[in-house]
Amino acid sequence: MSNFQEVELKLRLEDPKAYEQILNDPLITSLRSSETRVKDYETIYYDTEQHDLIQNQLCYRIRKFSKSYTATVKGYGTSQEGLSIRKEWNKKLESETPIIEP
């Protein structure tokens, strides 16, 4: 099982027009790949009926990408003003069936 730390930053734009300005900024356009890539995946989040995971600041999900499945547990971190830093553990699965073993 892999052990990572996820760092996620969420930004909010006050002016919707700024979105186009940002995307068309020369610095941003220089970073873009010439080919468009689309990744389709399906994610299902799980918890107990009593919401034990979320109450303990944990999350369990299974993500399907192409023909592979990955179980992920996230938690034990901090989140403040759009910046989240938390631990992340991933494990490849044979199917979309949830497992609870490490």
Protein backbone atom coordinates (compact mmCIF):
# COMPACT_ATOMS: atom_id res chain seq x y z
CA MET A 1 0.00 0.00 0.00
CA SER A 2 1.52 3.32 -1.01
CA ASN A 3 1.80 6.11 1.56
CA PHE A 4 1.59 9.69 0.29
CA GLN A 5 0.76 13.11 1.59
CA GLU A 6 -1.81 15.03 -0.41
CA VAL A 7 -1.58 18.80 -0.67
CA GLU A 8 -4.64 20.41 -2.22
CA LEU A 9 -5.27 24.09 -2.79
CA LYS A 10 -8.72 25.33 -3.75
CA LEU A 11 -9.08 28.83 -5.12
CA ARG A 12 -12.19 30.94 -5.59
CA LEU A 13 -12.44 33.71 -8.16
CA GLU A 14 -14.56 36.69 -7.20
CA ASP A 15 -14.86 37.84 -10.84
CA PRO A 16 -15.92 35.12 -13.34
CA LYS A 17 -14.22 37.10 -16.14
CA ALA A 18 -10.87 36.53 -14.44
CA TYR A 19 -11.08 32.82 -15.30
CA GLU A 20 -10.62 33.51 -19.03
CA GLN A 21 -7.85 36.01 -18.31
CA ILE A 22 -5.97 33.43 -16.25
CA LEU A 23 -6.37 30.68 -18.84
CA ASN A 24 -5.15 32.98 -21.62
CA ASP A 25 -2.18 34.36 -19.69
CA PRO A 26 1.07 33.66 -21.63
CA LEU A 27 2.62 31.90 -18.63
CA ILE A 28 -0.29 29.48 -18.38
CA THR A 29 -0.57 28.88 -22.14
CA SER A 30 3.16 28.10 -22.29
CA LEU A 31 2.62 25.27 -19.78
CA ARG A 32 -0.19 23.64 -21.74
CA SER A 33 0.34 20.53 -23.80
CA SER A 34 -0.51 20.88 -27.48
CA GLU A 35 -2.79 17.86 -27.29
CA THR A 36 -5.96 17.76 -25.25
CA ARG A 37 -6.14 14.92 -22.76
CA VAL A 38 -9.37 13.73 -21.20
CA LYS A 39 -9.36 11.29 -18.30
CA ASP A 40 -12.62 9.67 -17.35
CA TYR A 41 -12.86 7.99 -13.99
CA GLU A 42 -15.56 6.91 -11.59
CA THR A 43 -15.25 7.38 -7.84
CA ILE A 44 -17.44 5.97 -5.08
CA TYR A 45 -17.06 7.11 -1.48
CA TYR A 46 -17.95 4.81 1.42
CA ASP A 47 -18.77 5.31 5.09
CA THR A 48 -20.70 3.52 7.81
CA GLU A 49 -24.37 4.24 8.44
CA GLN A 50 -23.29 6.22 11.51
CA HIS A 51 -20.75 8.23 9.42
CA ASP A 52 -17.86 7.00 11.55
CA LEU A 53 -15.22 7.82 8.94
CA ILE A 54 -16.17 11.43 8.27
CA GLN A 55 -16.69 12.06 12.00
CA ASN A 56 -13.08 10.97 12.49
CA GLN A 57 -11.86 13.08 9.56
CA LEU A 58 -11.28 10.04 7.34
CA CYS A 59 -12.42 9.19 3.85
CA TYR A 60 -12.51 5.85 2.00
CA ARG A 61 -13.06 5.72 -1.74
CA ILE A 62 -12.63 3.41 -4.68
CA ARG A 63 -11.71 4.96 -8.00
CA LYS A 64 -12.07 3.19 -11.33
CA PHE A 65 -9.78 4.43 -14.09
CA SER A 66 -9.76 2.55 -17.37
CA LYS A 67 -9.92 -1.09 -16.21
CA SER A 68 -8.12 -0.67 -12.90
CA TYR A 69 -9.38 0.04 -9.37
CA THR A 70 -7.64 1.86 -6.54
CA ALA A 71 -8.80 2.08 -2.94
CA THR A 72 -7.78 5.25 -1.13
CA VAL A 73 -7.93 6.25 2.52
CA LYS A 74 -7.39 9.94 3.29
CA GLY A 75 -7.19 11.66 6.63
CA TYR A 76 -5.15 12.83 9.59
CA GLY A 77 -4.48 16.27 8.23
CA THR A 78 -5.48 19.89 8.29
CA SER A 79 -7.68 22.10 6.18
CA GLN A 80 -7.78 25.87 6.44
CA GLU A 81 -8.95 28.55 4.01
CA GLY A 82 -8.81 26.28 0.96
CA LEU A 83 -5.48 24.56 1.73
CA SER A 84 -5.72 20.89 2.72
CA ILE A 85 -2.77 18.74 3.73
CA ARG A 86 -3.53 15.16 4.72
CA LYS A 87 -2.15 11.63 4.58
CA GLU A 88 -3.20 9.37 1.72
CA TRP A 89 -2.88 5.61 1.38
CA ASN A 90 -3.60 3.85 -1.93
CA LYS A 91 -3.96 0.17 -2.78
CA LYS A 92 -4.63 -1.42 -6.17
CA LEU A 93 -7.69 -3.67 -6.19
CA GLU A 94 -8.88 -6.46 -8.46
CA SER A 95 -12.46 -5.14 -8.52
CA GLU A 96 -14.66 -2.35 -7.19
CA THR A 97 -15.49 -4.36 -4.06
CA PRO A 98 -14.43 -2.48 -0.90
CA ILE A 99 -11.90 -4.17 1.37
CA ILE A 100 -10.86 -3.33 4.91
CA GLU A 101 -7.54 -5.12 5.06
CA PRO A 102 -4.32 -3.06 4.86
